[in-house]
Amino acid sequence: MTDETKAQLEEAIVNLIKEFTNKKRFKPGDIVKEMEMKFSVNGVTKDDVKAAIRDLTDSGRLIYGYAGGSFLSLPE
């Protein structure tokens, strides 16, 4: 996966969560499936999506929440 594809993937994840803020809580697995389908033509794998989620949480752009299960959200 190229750096450009990785940046696009990370932006797509953040935008998806922004779009559904206060409407839906995304479990990490939901995001993996969604992004894997969307970026499959670019050769993005499950592991690539998981790594992008990890990078986003490590950098503070996303946070994990826990309410009946884990979910990803934007920091407040």
Protein backbone atom coordinates (compact mmCIF):
# COMPACT_ATOMS: atom_id res chain seq x y z
CA MET A 1 0.00 0.00 0.00
CA THR A 2 1.42 3.37 -1.00
CA ASP A 3 1.62 6.38 1.31
CA GLU A 4 -1.01 8.12 -0.84
CA THR A 5 -3.42 5.18 -0.51
CA LYS A 6 -2.78 5.06 3.24
CA ALA A 7 -3.59 8.77 3.56
CA GLN A 8 -6.78 8.31 1.51
CA LEU A 9 -7.77 5.34 3.66
CA GLU A 10 -7.24 7.26 6.89
CA GLU A 11 -9.25 10.23 5.59
CA ALA A 12 -12.07 7.93 4.46
CA ILE A 13 -12.24 6.35 7.93
CA VAL A 14 -12.37 9.73 9.68
CA ASN A 15 -14.94 11.08 7.22
CA LEU A 16 -17.16 8.01 7.67
CA ILE A 17 -17.16 8.47 11.43
CA LYS A 18 -17.76 12.24 11.06
CA GLU A 19 -20.71 11.60 8.75
CA PHE A 20 -22.46 9.36 11.27
CA THR A 21 -21.54 11.20 14.48
CA ASN A 22 -24.47 10.99 16.93
CA LYS A 23 -26.30 8.65 14.52
CA LYS A 24 -24.35 5.40 14.58
CA ARG A 25 -21.46 3.92 16.53
CA PHE A 26 -18.97 2.03 14.41
CA LYS A 27 -17.31 -1.05 15.80
CA PRO A 28 -13.76 -1.48 14.52
CA GLY A 29 -14.88 -4.59 12.58
CA ASP A 30 -17.58 -2.58 10.78
CA ILE A 31 -15.00 -0.07 9.61
CA VAL A 32 -12.62 -2.82 8.50
CA LYS A 33 -15.33 -4.41 6.34
CA GLU A 34 -16.49 -1.09 4.88
CA MET A 35 -13.00 0.14 3.98
CA GLU A 36 -11.87 -3.24 2.70
CA MET A 37 -14.76 -3.20 0.19
CA LYS A 38 -14.24 0.45 -0.75
CA PHE A 39 -10.47 0.18 -1.29
CA SER A 40 -10.24 -3.40 -2.59
CA VAL A 41 -9.35 -2.14 -6.08
CA ASN A 42 -6.25 -0.52 -4.51
CA GLY A 43 -5.18 -3.82 -2.97
CA VAL A 44 -5.99 -2.76 0.61
CA THR A 45 -6.24 -5.68 3.01
CA LYS A 46 -7.81 -6.14 6.44
CA ASP A 47 -4.41 -5.73 8.03
CA ASP A 48 -3.91 -2.42 6.20
CA VAL A 49 -7.21 -1.09 7.53
CA LYS A 50 -6.41 -2.27 11.07
CA ALA A 51 -3.01 -0.55 10.84
CA ALA A 52 -4.68 2.67 9.67
CA ILE A 53 -7.12 2.53 12.61
CA ARG A 54 -4.20 1.94 14.96
CA ASP A 55 -2.33 4.93 13.51
CA LEU A 56 -5.41 7.14 13.83
CA THR A 57 -5.96 6.17 17.47
CA ASP A 58 -2.25 6.52 18.30
CA SER A 59 -2.21 10.02 16.79
CA GLY A 60 -5.39 11.02 18.66
CA ARG A 61 -7.57 11.57 15.59
CA LEU A 62 -9.87 8.74 16.75
CA ILE A 63 -10.62 7.32 20.17
CA TYR A 64 -12.10 4.08 21.42
CA GLY A 65 -15.28 4.25 23.46
CA TYR A 66 -16.91 1.49 25.46
CA ALA A 67 -20.66 1.19 25.94
CA GLY A 68 -21.92 -2.36 25.53
CA GLY A 69 -18.89 -3.03 23.33
CA SER A 70 -16.05 -1.05 21.84
CA PHE A 71 -16.59 1.55 19.15
CA LEU A 72 -14.58 4.26 17.43
CA SER A 73 -15.41 7.95 17.63
CA LEU A 74 -13.90 11.39 17.18
CA PRO A 75 -12.30 13.03 20.21
CA GLU A 76 -14.52 15.67 21.77
